Each structure stands twice: as C-alpha cells, then as structure tokens.
Amino acid sequence: ATPAAVRHRQGDRGIVRNATEFRRNPRLWLFPPSLGSAKAHLCLRLSAAWPFAEVRVIDMFSECYYPSFCRLNPDMTVPVLEAEDKVVTGARLIADFLQERYAGDGDGRLALSSKGPALERFKALADAWDEELYAFSGSRRPPPSRPTDRLRLIRLRQQCMTTVEDEASSDEEVSEDELSAVGGAPHELPAIGAKHGSCELQELREAYIRKIADLQHLEEVACQRTEEEWRTTLQQNRRALNYVWRAAVELLRSNGPGDTFLLGRDLTSADAFFVPILRQMQVLRPGDLRRYLKAHPVVLTYWTRVQRLEEMQVVLRSHSRGFAQPSLLNNFLPCQLLGVRCGCIVAPELPEEVEERIRNVQAELRAAPS
C-alpha cells in the first residue's frame, strides 16, 4: 500500500454534490488526527450552524470503507459535511460552503469589508501545505509501506469482494422473480426494485475499484520516485509552509488596535486554517515550531492568545492523536495490524474481471497529466 507521505493531497480538493435527503441539522464526519478534519471542525464551530450541528468521528482504517460511508462519499475520505441538500467533502470546500450559507460573526463581517480577498488568499495558501509530507521532512527517501497502509488496501478489497458477491446474489434473485412473474419469460417483466439494488451495487463496486486503483497507483509512483524527486517534493512543501507563515505575519502586523486575530478582532475561517497548522507543527516537529515562533514574535503572541480560547482548546484537544485512540481501540486496530504483520489478515482474490478493471483504471491514472 501507499506510504502516508506519498498519498499527497489525495481527496483534499473535495466535491459538492446533491444529497439523497434533506438534512436540517448539519453533520460533520471527521478523523481527529487529520489536518483537514481540524480545519473543517473549527470552521463549523465558528459558523452560525454550530448550535444545531453534530460531529461524528470515523475510523479511517475500516469504517470509512463501509458501504454506508462509501455511498455518502465515494472518495472515502474525511472531512465530510452533510448540510441541507448537499454533501460537501474537503476542508476548503466545507469552509466555503459554511461561509456562504452559515457565516459566523467573523466571516460575516469580512464579507462586507475590504478584507474578504485576503481571507480567500490565506485559505488557499494554507490549503497548499501537506502535513504528512512535513512529518517526513528529515527523511532522504519516501518511507516504506506501513502495516496501516496495507490494512487499508485489505479492507478495501474485502468490501469490494462483498459487493461483488452481493451483486451476484441480486442478479440471481432478479432472474427468479422475473421467471415466476411471467411464467418463464424473464425479458417481459423486469424486477424494478431488484434492478435498482443491482445498479447501486455496481456503483459501490466501481467506487471500491477506483479507490484500490488510486492507492496502488500512488504506491507505484512512490516506488519510482528518486531521492532527488523526493527532496524536491519536500522542499516545495517547506516553501508552502513558509508562504503561510509570511502571510500570517503580514496580516498580524497590519492589524489595528484591538485586532487580535489574523483578520481583525473576530476569529474567522483564516484562523481556522492557521491554528491547526501550528498544532500539527507542535505535534510533529516541536523544535521546528519553536524556531519559527522565535523568528516571528508576532505569531508567538497570537499563538499564546488563541490557545487560551475555549473553542480552540476543545478542537485542539479533540484533534490530538490520543482523542482518536478510543475509536481505534474499539475497532481492535492493534490486533488488526498484528494480523497484517503475521499474515493472518489478507486481501481476498477478486474475480479476474474486477482485477482487469483495476488495472485499466491504473493505466488511466498513469496516462493522466501529473
């Protein structure tokens, strides 16, 4: 499977699509250690939707591959927001959706001021930084595949196999129903309900196929990457981080009296994108954060202040790796990883036509512009 550091920005851009049912109270799906989840969570808490919203934690090693979540988000990534008649994925699009439909005090005032473009520019800069690449800043080459990566592929293939088997069962039921309904002439009366179920299973199977192909393609790319290419990728990510810090420093220095946050006296989605970056630096490379803060005292003052805020404390605490442990332990993740290492948990053999479809999708990905 694919090393975390090479699954670069997979699914981060996100999509907005129509939901199958209207949801009055917004619901956010997240995985606590995820940077995108922390951004989306903070944006939701700062929005006017927060008093009637709900947050769900999902296990990214198995639960996100369940058919129920795959139907919600075929990319099987987080964060995901269900609100009104829309399903929105990716932190940036979720922030934009909340800003448009449920703007909080900070974003609402910015929309009426000259600082609106500055907000969009800052979110774009913050969105370009990849925390997983940052975690491997000191490595000379991409890290090898890990048990967690192999577990993801195994779970995907298991779900795909279950869908294939369910699809075959559905086809058999359709044939029996049709035969009994028309006395042996199945072509005369289709079983509409069963056909609809079969169509849904085909869509699920295709989603699993594309996800498997995507992960295997990224693994293939990682194996072919040279040390020079890897070093260039890390340098580009470091530059992206420097751009974020430079923009934050400029915004804070341009503030007037009483303006304590990035874009004034109110927290905005710009802060919701910057604070999780500081938190990830603190967790992944604390010495690096200390160096940045020493070089930029204005950000040190800002960071000290925002950590005292209740809403920030809740989000920063809940988006620690420790907060995700109960969910992972409930799903026996340590036992699953041991099973992967020992070879007790293995991927099933998929039908040849499914493997052929996976290979075809991988070929499409190879041919696509990088």
Foldseek 3Di string as FASTA:
>chain_A
DFFPLLCPCQCQVKDKDFAPDFDAQKEKEDAQQDLLRLLLLLLCCQWQRVVRHYYHYDDLLARLLDLVNCVLPLSSDDTWMHHGGMIIHHSVRSSVVRLVPTNHPVSVVCVVDPCNVLLVVLLVLLSNADLSNVLCLPDLAGDDDALSLQSNLQNLLVNLQVLVVVLVVLVVVQQVVQCVVPVHDSVPDGPVVSVVVNVSSVVSNVSSLLNNLSRVLSRVVRVPDDSVNSNVVSVVNVVSVVVSLVSQLVQLVPEDPCALHSPGNDDGSSCSSPLSVLLSCCVSPVVVSVVSCVVRVSVVSSNVVVCPDPSSVVSSVCSDPVVNVVVCVVVVVVVSSVCSVVVVRGHDDDDPVSVVSSVVSNVVVVPDDD
